[in-house]
Amino acid sequence: MIRIGKVADINSDDRTVRVAFAEADNLVSDWLKVISTPPVVTAVTDEETDLTVEAWMPREGDTVICLYDDGPNADGYVIGGIAV
Protein backbone atom coordinates (compact mmCIF):
# COMPACT_ATOMS: atom_id res chain seq x y z
CA MET A 1 0.00 0.00 0.00
CA ILE A 2 1.25 3.49 -0.84
CA ARG A 3 0.31 6.48 1.33
CA ILE A 4 1.18 10.18 1.23
CA GLY A 5 1.73 12.06 4.48
CA LYS A 6 3.70 14.74 6.33
CA VAL A 7 6.70 14.04 8.55
CA ALA A 8 5.67 14.52 12.19
CA ASP A 9 8.82 13.40 14.02
CA ILE A 10 12.41 12.49 13.11
CA ASN A 11 15.07 10.19 14.54
CA SER A 12 18.17 11.01 12.49
CA ASP A 13 20.38 8.52 14.34
CA ASP A 14 18.16 5.58 13.30
CA ARG A 15 17.16 7.15 9.93
CA THR A 16 13.48 6.78 10.85
CA VAL A 17 10.51 9.15 10.85
CA ARG A 18 6.90 9.19 12.01
CA VAL A 19 4.38 10.37 9.43
CA ALA A 20 0.90 11.93 9.85
CA PHE A 21 -1.73 10.90 7.29
CA ALA A 22 -4.39 13.58 6.63
CA GLU A 23 -6.82 11.11 5.01
CA ALA A 24 -6.84 9.13 8.29
CA ASP A 25 -7.63 12.09 10.60
CA ASN A 26 -3.88 12.81 10.96
CA LEU A 27 -3.18 9.37 12.39
CA VAL A 28 0.58 9.21 13.09
CA SER A 29 2.52 6.15 11.97
CA ASP A 30 4.96 4.10 13.98
CA TRP A 31 8.65 4.69 13.13
CA LEU A 32 9.23 4.19 9.38
CA LYS A 33 12.65 3.53 7.88
CA VAL A 34 13.87 6.13 5.38
CA ILE A 35 15.19 4.57 2.18
CA SER A 36 17.95 6.47 0.45
CA THR A 37 19.66 5.84 -2.82
CA PRO A 38 23.27 6.78 -3.45
CA PRO A 39 23.31 10.43 -4.50
CA VAL A 40 24.39 11.39 -7.99
CA VAL A 41 26.66 14.42 -7.92
CA THR A 42 28.41 16.11 -10.79
CA ALA A 43 30.82 18.89 -9.90
CA VAL A 44 32.79 20.79 -12.51
CA THR A 45 35.22 23.40 -11.32
CA ASP A 46 38.56 24.92 -12.21
CA GLU A 47 39.44 25.43 -8.56
CA GLU A 48 40.00 23.06 -5.67
CA THR A 49 36.64 22.66 -3.93
CA ASP A 50 35.48 20.74 -0.88
CA LEU A 51 32.24 18.87 -1.54
CA THR A 52 30.19 17.09 1.10
CA VAL A 53 27.46 14.68 0.03
CA GLU A 54 24.96 13.39 2.57
CA ALA A 55 22.12 10.90 2.20
CA TRP A 56 18.66 12.48 1.91
CA MET A 57 16.69 12.70 5.14
CA PRO A 58 13.27 14.40 5.23
CA ARG A 59 12.60 17.28 7.58
CA GLU A 60 9.61 17.78 9.87
CA GLY A 61 6.65 18.97 7.78
CA ASP A 62 7.97 17.51 4.51
CA THR A 63 5.47 15.62 2.35
CA VAL A 64 6.66 12.04 1.80
CA ILE A 65 5.65 8.87 -0.02
CA CYS A 66 5.31 5.81 2.23
CA LEU A 67 5.27 2.20 1.13
CA TYR A 68 3.80 -0.47 3.42
CA ASP A 69 4.18 -4.25 3.20
CA ASP A 70 0.98 -6.31 3.17
CA GLY A 71 -0.29 -7.67 6.47
CA PRO A 72 -1.77 -6.51 9.77
CA ASN A 73 1.60 -5.66 11.37
CA ALA A 74 3.24 -4.47 8.18
CA ASP A 75 6.53 -2.62 8.12
CA GLY A 76 6.59 0.71 6.36
CA TYR A 77 9.23 2.72 4.54
CA VAL A 78 9.61 6.30 3.34
CA ILE A 79 10.69 5.96 -0.27
CA GLY A 80 10.85 9.61 -1.30
CA GLY A 81 9.60 13.14 -0.92
CA ILE A 82 7.22 15.36 -2.86
CA ALA A 83 7.99 19.02 -3.50
CA VAL A 84 4.97 21.13 -2.70
PDB file of N, CA and C in Angstrom:
ATOM      1  N   MET A   1       0.841  -1.164   0.000  1.00  0.00           N
ATOM      2  CA  MET A   1       0.000   0.000   0.000  1.00  0.00           C
ATOM      3  C   MET A   1       0.899   1.243   0.000  1.00  0.00           C
ATOM      4  N   ILE A   2       0.512   2.229  -0.777  1.00  0.00           N
ATOM      5  CA  ILE A   2       1.248   3.491  -0.843  1.00  0.00           C
ATOM      6  C   ILE A   2       0.387   4.574  -0.198  1.00  0.00           C
ATOM      7  N   ARG A   3       1.004   5.378   0.664  1.00  0.00           N
ATOM      8  CA  ARG A   3       0.306   6.477   1.333  1.00  0.00           C
ATOM      9  C   ARG A   3       1.171   7.732   1.261  1.00  0.00           C
ATOM     10  N   ILE A   4       0.510   8.883   1.239  1.00  0.00           N
ATOM     11  CA  ILE A   4       1.178  10.177   1.231  1.00  0.00           C
ATOM     12  C   ILE A   4       0.898  10.842   2.575  1.00  0.00           C
ATOM     13  N   GLY A   5       1.933  11.397   3.202  1.00  0.00           N
ATOM     14  CA  GLY A   5       1.733  12.060   4.485  1.00  0.00           C
ATOM     15  C   GLY A   5       2.801  13.108   4.743  1.00  0.00           C
ATOM     16  N   LYS A   6       2.722  13.719   5.925  1.00  0.00           N
ATOM     17  CA  LYS A   6       3.696  14.740   6.331  1.00  0.00           C
ATOM     18  C   LYS A   6       4.496  14.234   7.515  1.00  0.00           C
ATOM     19  N   VAL A   7       5.806  14.475   7.479  1.00  0.00           N
ATOM     20  CA  VAL A   7       6.699  14.036   8.551  1.00  0.00           C
ATOM     21  C   VAL A   7       6.323  14.763   9.841  1.00  0.00           C
ATOM     22  N   ALA A   8       6.072  13.963  10.899  1.00  0.00           N
ATOM     23  CA  ALA A   8       5.673  14.517  12.187  1.00  0.00           C
ATOM     24  C   ALA A   8       6.808  14.486  13.206  1.00  0.00           C
ATOM     25  N   ASP A   9       7.730  13.542  13.054  1.00  0.00           N
ATOM     26  CA  ASP A   9       8.818  13.395  14.023  1.00  0.00           C
ATOM     27  C   ASP A   9       9.989  12.716  13.315  1.00  0.00           C
ATOM     28  N   ILE A  10      11.203  13.002  13.765  1.00  0.00           N
ATOM     29  CA  ILE A  10      12.412  12.494  13.105  1.00  0.00           C
ATOM     30  C   ILE A  10      13.363  11.900  14.129  1.00  0.00           C
ATOM     31  N   ASN A  11      13.969  10.759  13.769  1.00  0.00           N
ATOM     32  CA  ASN A  11      15.073  10.191  14.542  1.00  0.00           C
ATOM     33  C   ASN A  11      16.231  10.019  13.558  1.00  0.00           C
ATOM     34  N   SER A  12      17.078  11.021  13.463  1.00  0.00           N
ATOM     35  CA  SER A  12      18.172  11.013  12.489  1.00  0.00           C
ATOM     36  C   SER A  12      19.175   9.898  12.743  1.00  0.00           C
ATOM     37  N   ASP A  13      19.409   9.563  14.012  1.00  0.00           N
ATOM     38  CA  ASP A  13      20.382   8.515  14.339  1.00  0.00           C
ATOM     39  C   ASP A  13      19.973   7.163  13.766  1.00  0.00           C
ATOM     40  N   ASP A  14      18.664   6.854  13.815  1.00  0.00           N
ATOM     41  CA  ASP A  14      18.162   5.578  13.296  1.00  0.00           C
ATOM     42  C   ASP A  14      17.689   5.674  11.849  1.00  0.00           C
ATOM     43  N   ARG A  15      17.694   6.894  11.267  1.00  0.00           N
ATOM     44  CA  ARG A  15      17.165   7.147   9.931  1.00  0.00           C
ATOM     45  C   ARG A  15      15.717   6.687   9.824  1.00  0.00           C
ATOM     46  N   THR A  16      14.903   7.088  10.835  1.00  0.00           N
ATOM     47  CA  THR A  16      13.481   6.781  10.846  1.00  0.00           C
ATOM     48  C   THR A  16      12.676   8.055  11.072  1.00  0.00           C
ATOM     49  N   VAL A  17      11.417   8.024  10.636  1.00  0.00           N
ATOM     50  CA  VAL A  17      10.506   9.147  10.845  1.00  0.00           C
ATOM     51  C   VAL A  17       9.120   8.610  11.199  1.00  0.00           C
ATOM     52  N   ARG A  18       8.313   9.461  11.812  1.00  0.00           N
ATOM     53  CA  ARG A  18       6.897   9.190  12.014  1.00  0.00           C
ATOM     54  C   ARG A  18       6.152  10.129  11.090  1.00  0.00           C
ATOM     55  N   VAL A  19       5.087   9.621  10.463  1.00  0.00           N
ATOM     56  CA  VAL A  19       4.375  10.370   9.433  1.00  0.00           C
ATOM     57  C   VAL A  19       2.897  10.490   9.804  1.00  0.00           C
ATOM     58  N   ALA A  20       2.332  11.694   9.633  1.00  0.00           N
ATOM     59  CA  ALA A  20       0.904  11.934   9.853  1.00  0.00           C
ATOM     60  C   ALA A  20       0.179  11.843   8.515  1.00  0.00           C
ATOM     61  N   PHE A  21      -0.946  11.109   8.508  1.00  0.00           N
ATOM     62  CA  PHE A  21      -1.727  10.901   7.286  1.00  0.00           C
ATOM     63  C   PHE A  21      -3.048  11.656   7.384  1.00  0.00           C
ATOM     64  N   ALA A  22      -3.206  12.721   6.583  1.00  0.00           N
ATOM     65  CA  ALA A  22      -4.386  13.584   6.634  1.00  0.00           C
ATOM     66  C   ALA A  22      -5.664  12.805   6.336  1.00  0.00           C
ATOM     67  N   GLU A  23      -5.611  11.854   5.397  1.00  0.00           N
ATOM     68  CA  GLU A  23      -6.823  11.115   5.014  1.00  0.00           C
ATOM     69  C   GLU A  23      -7.298  10.183   6.124  1.00  0.00           C
ATOM     70  N   ALA A  24      -6.475   9.988   7.152  1.00  0.00           N
ATOM     71  CA  ALA A  24      -6.836   9.131   8.288  1.00  0.00           C
ATOM     72  C   ALA A  24      -6.910   9.972   9.570  1.00  0.00           C
ATOM     73  N   ASP A  25      -7.491  11.180   9.452  1.00  0.00           N
ATOM     74  CA  ASP A  25      -7.626  12.091  10.599  1.00  0.00           C
ATOM     75  C   ASP A  25      -6.291  12.379  11.287  1.00  0.00           C
ATOM     76  N   ASN A  26      -5.241  12.520  10.486  1.00  0.00           N
ATOM     77  CA  ASN A  26      -3.884  12.815  10.964  1.00  0.00           C
ATOM     78  C   ASN A  26      -3.319  11.752  11.896  1.00  0.00           C
ATOM     79  N   LEU A  27      -3.763  10.514  11.684  1.00  0.00           N
ATOM     80  CA  LEU A  27      -3.180   9.375  12.394  1.00  0.00           C
ATOM     81  C   LEU A  27      -1.676   9.375  12.148  1.00  0.00           C
ATOM     82  N   VAL A  28      -0.880   9.194  13.212  1.00  0.00           N
ATOM     83  CA  VAL A  28       0.577   9.209  13.092  1.00  0.00           C
ATOM     84  C   VAL A  28       1.094   7.775  13.082  1.00  0.00           C
ATOM     85  N   SER A  29       1.955   7.486  12.129  1.00  0.00           N
ATOM     86  CA  SER A  29       2.524   6.147  11.969  1.00  0.00           C
ATOM     87  C   SER A  29       3.468   5.795  13.110  1.00  0.00           C
ATOM     88  N   ASP A  30       3.844   4.535  13.149  1.00  0.00           N
ATOM     89  CA  ASP A  30       4.961   4.104  13.980  1.00  0.00           C
ATOM     90  C   ASP A  30       6.224   4.594  13.257  1.00  0.00           C
ATOM     91  N   TRP A  31       7.396   4.256  13.763  1.00  0.00           N
ATOM     92  CA  TRP A  31       8.646   4.690  13.126  1.00  0.00           C
ATOM     93  C   TRP A  31       8.835   3.972  11.806  1.00  0.00           C
ATOM     94  N   LEU A  32       9.018   4.728  10.720  1.00  0.00           N
ATOM     95  CA  LEU A  32       9.235   4.188   9.378  1.00  0.00           C
ATOM     96  C   LEU A  32      10.683   4.409   8.975  1.00  0.00           C
ATOM     97  N   LYS A  33      11.270   3.406   8.358  1.00  0.00           N
ATOM     98  CA  LYS A  33      12.654   3.528   7.882  1.00  0.00           C
ATOM     99  C   LYS A  33      12.688   4.404   6.629  1.00  0.00           C
ATOM    100  N   VAL A  34      13.691   5.267   6.548  1.00  0.00           N
ATOM    101  CA  VAL A  34      13.873   6.133   5.381  1.00  0.00           C
ATOM    102  C   VAL A  34      14.838   5.452   4.424  1.00  0.00           C
ATOM    103  N   ILE A  35      14.364   5.196   3.217  1.00  0.00           N
ATOM    104  CA  ILE A  35      15.189   4.570   2.183  1.00  0.00           C
ATOM    105  C   ILE A  35      15.928   5.679   1.440  1.00  0.00           C
ATOM    106  N   SER A  36      17.199   5.487   1.225  1.00  0.00           N
ATOM    107  CA  SER A  36      17.948   6.473   0.448  1.00  0.00           C
ATOM    108  C   SER A  36      18.760   5.757  -0.613  1.00  0.00           C
ATOM    109  N   THR A  37      18.838   6.377  -1.742  1.00  0.00           N
ATOM    110  CA  THR A  37      19.658   5.838  -2.816  1.00  0.00           C
ATOM    111  C   THR A  37      20.960   6.619  -2.838  1.00  0.00           C
ATOM    112  N   PRO A  38      22.016   6.024  -3.368  1.00  0.00           N
ATOM    113  CA  PRO A  38      23.267   6.780  -3.451  1.00  0.00           C
ATOM    114  C   PRO A  38      23.057   8.054  -4.269  1.00  0.00           C
ATOM    115  N   PRO A  39      23.498   9.178  -3.769  1.00  0.00           N
ATOM    116  CA  PRO A  39      23.307  10.434  -4.502  1.00  0.00           C
ATOM    117  C   PRO A  39      24.152  10.472  -5.763  1.00  0.00           C
ATOM    118  N   VAL A  40      23.647  11.166  -6.750  1.00  0.00           N
ATOM    119  CA  VAL A  40      24.388  11.390  -7.990  1.00  0.00           C
ATOM    120  C   VAL A  40      24.832  12.846  -7.968  1.00  0.00           C
ATOM    121  N   VAL A  41      26.124  13.059  -7.997  1.00  0.00           N
ATOM    122  CA  VAL A  41      26.655  14.418  -7.915  1.00  0.00           C
ATOM    123  C   VAL A  41      27.641  14.630  -9.052  1.00  0.00           C
ATOM    124  N   THR A  42      27.455  15.722  -9.753  1.00  0.00           N
ATOM    125  CA  THR A  42      28.413  16.107 -10.785  1.00  0.00           C
ATOM    126  C   THR A  42      28.933  17.490 -10.427  1.00  0.00           C
ATOM    127  N   ALA A  43      30.222  17.600 -10.234  1.00  0.00           N
ATOM    128  CA  ALA A  43      30.819  18.887  -9.895  1.00  0.00           C
ATOM    129  C   ALA A  43      31.901  19.202 -10.915  1.00  0.00           C
ATOM    130  N   VAL A  44      31.792  20.347 -11.541  1.00  0.00           N
ATOM    131  CA  VAL A  44      32.789  20.788 -12.506  1.00  0.00           C
ATOM    132  C   VAL A  44      33.332  22.122 -12.007  1.00  0.00           C
ATOM    133  N   THR A  45      34.619  22.165 -11.819  1.00  0.00           N
ATOM    134  CA  THR A  45      35.221  23.398 -11.315  1.00  0.00           C
ATOM    135  C   THR A  45      36.660  23.492 -11.770  1.00  0.00           C
ATOM    136  N   ASP A  46      37.154  24.698 -11.860  1.00  0.00           N
ATOM    137  CA  ASP A  46      38.555  24.918 -12.208  1.00  0.00           C
ATOM    138  C   ASP A  46      39.400  25.108 -10.959  1.00  0.00           C
ATOM    139  N   GLU A  47      38.727  25.203  -9.814  1.00  0.00           N
ATOM    140  CA  GLU A  47      39.436  25.433  -8.561  1.00  0.00           C
ATOM    141  C   GLU A  47      39.246  24.238  -7.638  1.00  0.00           C
ATOM    142  N   GLU A  48      40.139  24.121  -6.663  1.00  0.00           N
ATOM    143  CA  GLU A  48      40.001  23.062  -5.671  1.00  0.00           C
ATOM    144  C   GLU A  48      38.792  23.389  -4.792  1.00  0.00           C
ATOM    145  N   THR A  49      37.875  22.430  -4.661  1.00  0.00           N
ATOM    146  CA  THR A  49      36.643  22.658  -3.934  1.00  0.00           C
ATOM    147  C   THR A  49      36.366  21.481  -3.008  1.00  0.00           C
ATOM    148  N   ASP A  50      35.933  21.787  -1.785  1.00  0.00           N
ATOM    149  CA  ASP A  50      35.476  20.743  -0.878  1.00  0.00           C
ATOM    150  C   ASP A  50      34.000  20.499  -1.146  1.00  0.00           C
ATOM    151  N   LEU A  51      33.623  19.237  -1.254  1.00  0.00           N
ATOM    152  CA  LEU A  51      32.244  18.875  -1.538  1.00  0.00           C
ATOM    153  C   LEU A  51      31.817  17.811  -0.548  1.00  0.00           C
ATOM    154  N   THR A  52      30.729  18.056   0.159  1.00  0.00           N
ATOM    155  CA  THR A  52      30.194  17.089   1.104  1.00  0.00           C
ATOM    156  C   THR A  52      28.858  16.593   0.569  1.00  0.00           C
ATOM    157  N   VAL A  53      28.701  15.280   0.497  1.00  0.00           N
ATOM    158  CA  VAL A  53      27.460  14.675   0.030  1.00  0.00           C
ATOM    159  C   VAL A  53      26.877  13.851   1.168  1.00  0.00           C
ATOM    160  N   GLU A  54      25.628  14.125   1.506  1.00  0.00           N
ATOM    161  CA  GLU A  54      24.960  13.395   2.570  1.00  0.00           C
ATOM    162  C   GLU A  54      23.713  12.724   2.015  1.00  0.00           C
ATOM    163  N   ALA A  55      23.343  11.592   2.606  1.00  0.00           N
ATOM    164  CA  ALA A  55      22.124  10.900   2.202  1.00  0.00           C
ATOM    165  C   ALA A  55      20.909  11.764   2.532  1.00  0.00           C
ATOM    166  N   TRP A  56      19.877  11.696   1.702  1.00  0.00           N
ATOM    167  CA  TRP A  56      18.661  12.476   1.907  1.00  0.00           C
ATOM    168  C   TRP A  56      17.943  12.008   3.167  1.00  0.00           C
ATOM    169  N   MET A  57      17.498  12.965   3.950  1.00  0.00           N
ATOM    170  CA  MET A  57      16.690  12.702   5.139  1.00  0.00           C
ATOM    171  C   MET A  57      15.614  13.773   5.169  1.00  0.00           C
ATOM    172  N   PRO A  58      14.328  13.384   5.215  1.00  0.00           N
ATOM    173  CA  PRO A  58      13.273  14.404   5.225  1.00  0.00           C
ATOM    174  C   PRO A  58      13.297  15.224   6.508  1.00  0.00           C
ATOM    175  N   ARG A  59      12.717  16.403   6.423  1.00  0.00           N
ATOM    176  CA  ARG A  59      12.601  17.281   7.585  1.00  0.00           C
ATOM    177  C   ARG A  59      11.155  17.288   8.076  1.00  0.00           C
ATOM    178  N   GLU A  60      10.956  17.702   9.314  1.00  0.00           N
ATOM    179  CA  GLU A  60       9.606  17.782   9.867  1.00  0.00           C
ATOM    180  C   GLU A  60       8.753  18.686   8.984  1.00  0.00           C
ATOM    181  N   GLY A  61       7.558  18.214   8.640  1.00  0.00           N
ATOM    182  CA  GLY A  61       6.646  18.966   7.782  1.00  0.00           C
ATOM    183  C   GLY A  61       6.759  18.617   6.311  1.00  0.00           C
ATOM    184  N   ASP A  62       7.824  17.915   5.903  1.00  0.00           N
ATOM    185  CA  ASP A  62       7.972  17.511   4.505  1.00  0.00           C
ATOM    186  C   ASP A  62       6.882  16.507   4.119  1.00  0.00           C
ATOM    187  N   THR A  63       6.410  16.593   2.880  1.00  0.00           N
ATOM    188  CA  THR A  63       5.467  15.623   2.347  1.00  0.00           C
ATOM    189  C   THR A  63       6.265  14.452   1.781  1.00  0.00           C
ATOM    190  N   VAL A  64       5.897  13.225   2.201  1.00  0.00           N
ATOM    191  CA  VAL A  64       6.659  12.045   1.802  1.00  0.00           C
ATOM    192  C   VAL A  64       5.739  10.945   1.266  1.00  0.00           C
ATOM    193  N   ILE A  65       6.336  10.039   0.508  1.00  0.00           N
ATOM    194  CA  ILE A  65       5.651   8.866  -0.025  1.00  0.00           C
ATOM    195  C   ILE A  65       6.053   7.672   0.831  1.00  0.00           C
ATOM    196  N   CYS A  66       5.056   6.957   1.354  1.00  0.00           N
ATOM    197  CA  CYS A  66       5.314   5.814   2.231  1.00  0.00           C
ATOM    198  C   CYS A  66       4.827   4.535   1.558  1.00  0.00           C
ATOM    199  N   LEU A  67       5.600   3.499   1.691  1.00  0.00           N
ATOM    200  CA  LEU A  67       5.266   2.195   1.134  1.00  0.00           C
ATOM    201  C   LEU A  67       5.163   1.208   2.286  1.00  0.00           C
ATOM    202  N   TYR A  68       4.018   0.515   2.365  1.00  0.00           N
ATOM    203  CA  TYR A  68       3.798  -0.475   3.417  1.00  0.00           C
ATOM    204  C   TYR A  68       3.742  -1.873   2.829  1.00  0.00           C
ATOM    205  N   ASP A  69       4.330  -2.849   3.553  1.00  0.00           N
ATOM    206  CA  ASP A  69       4.176  -4.253   3.205  1.00  0.00           C
ATOM    207  C   ASP A  69       2.729  -4.654   3.466  1.00  0.00           C
ATOM    208  N   ASP A  70       2.302  -5.766   2.881  1.00  0.00           N
ATOM    209  CA  ASP A  70       0.978  -6.307   3.169  1.00  0.00           C
ATOM    210  C   ASP A  70       0.985  -6.962   4.538  1.00  0.00           C
ATOM    211  N   GLY A  71      -0.169  -6.976   5.194  1.00  0.00           N
ATOM    212  CA  GLY A  71      -0.290  -7.674   6.471  1.00  0.00           C
ATOM    213  C   GLY A  71      -0.709  -6.751   7.586  1.00  0.00           C
ATOM    214  N   PRO A  72      -1.255  -7.324   8.668  1.00  0.00           N
ATOM    215  CA  PRO A  72      -1.775  -6.512   9.767  1.00  0.00           C
ATOM    216  C   PRO A  72      -0.691  -5.772  10.555  1.00  0.00           C
ATOM    217  N   ASN A  73       0.499  -6.308  10.649  1.00  0.00           N
ATOM    218  CA  ASN A  73       1.599  -5.657  11.368  1.00  0.00           C
ATOM    219  C   ASN A  73       2.706  -5.286  10.391  1.00  0.00           C
ATOM    220  N   ALA A  74       2.319  -4.708   9.276  1.00  0.00           N
ATOM    221  CA  ALA A  74       3.240  -4.466   8.176  1.00  0.00           C
ATOM    222  C   ALA A  74       4.273  -3.401   8.506  1.00  0.00           C
ATOM    223  N   ASP A  75       5.479  -3.637   8.036  1.00  0.00           N
ATOM    224  CA  ASP A  75       6.527  -2.624   8.124  1.00  0.00           C
ATOM    225  C   ASP A  75       6.278  -1.574   7.052  1.00  0.00           C
ATOM    226  N   GLY A  76       6.740  -0.357   7.328  1.00  0.00           N
ATOM    227  CA  GLY A  76       6.588   0.713   6.356  1.00  0.00           C
ATOM    228  C   GLY A  76       7.917   1.406   6.111  1.00  0.00           C
ATOM    229  N   TYR A  77       8.012   2.054   4.961  1.00  0.00           N
ATOM    230  CA  TYR A  77       9.234   2.718   4.542  1.00  0.00           C
ATOM    231  C   TYR A  77       8.885   4.048   3.888  1.00  0.00           C
ATOM    232  N   VAL A  78       9.720   5.042   4.080  1.00  0.00           N
ATOM    233  CA  VAL A  78       9.609   6.295   3.338  1.00  0.00           C
ATOM    234  C   VAL A  78      10.516   6.146   2.131  1.00  0.00           C
ATOM    235  N   ILE A  79       9.912   6.223   0.941  1.00  0.00           N
ATOM    236  CA  ILE A  79      10.686   5.961  -0.272  1.00  0.00           C
ATOM    237  C   ILE A  79      11.014   7.221  -1.060  1.00  0.00           C
ATOM    238  N   GLY A  80      10.519   8.378  -0.608  1.00  0.00           N
ATOM    239  CA  GLY A  80      10.846   9.610  -1.298  1.00  0.00           C
ATOM    240  C   GLY A  80      10.019  10.771  -0.796  1.00  0.00           C
ATOM    241  N   GLY A  81      10.320  11.936  -1.314  1.00  0.00           N
ATOM    242  CA  GLY A  81       9.604  13.141  -0.924  1.00  0.00           C
ATOM    243  C   GLY A  81       8.914  13.757  -2.114  1.00  0.00           C
ATOM    244  N   ILE A  82       7.964  14.643  -1.815  1.00  0.00           N
ATOM    245  CA  ILE A  82       7.217  15.359  -2.858  1.00  0.00           C
ATOM    246  C   ILE A  82       7.397  16.847  -2.606  1.00  0.00           C
ATOM    247  N   ALA A  83       7.851  17.561  -3.616  1.00  0.00           N
ATOM    248  CA  ALA A  83       7.990  19.017  -3.496  1.00  0.00           C
ATOM    249  C   ALA A  83       6.614  19.636  -3.616  1.00  0.00           C
ATOM    250  N   VAL A  84       6.279  20.460  -2.645  1.00  0.00           N
ATOM    251  CA  VAL A  84       4.969  21.126  -2.696  1.00  0.00           C
ATOM    252  C   VAL A  84       5.135  22.620  -2.624  1.00  0.00           C
TER     253      VAL A  84
END
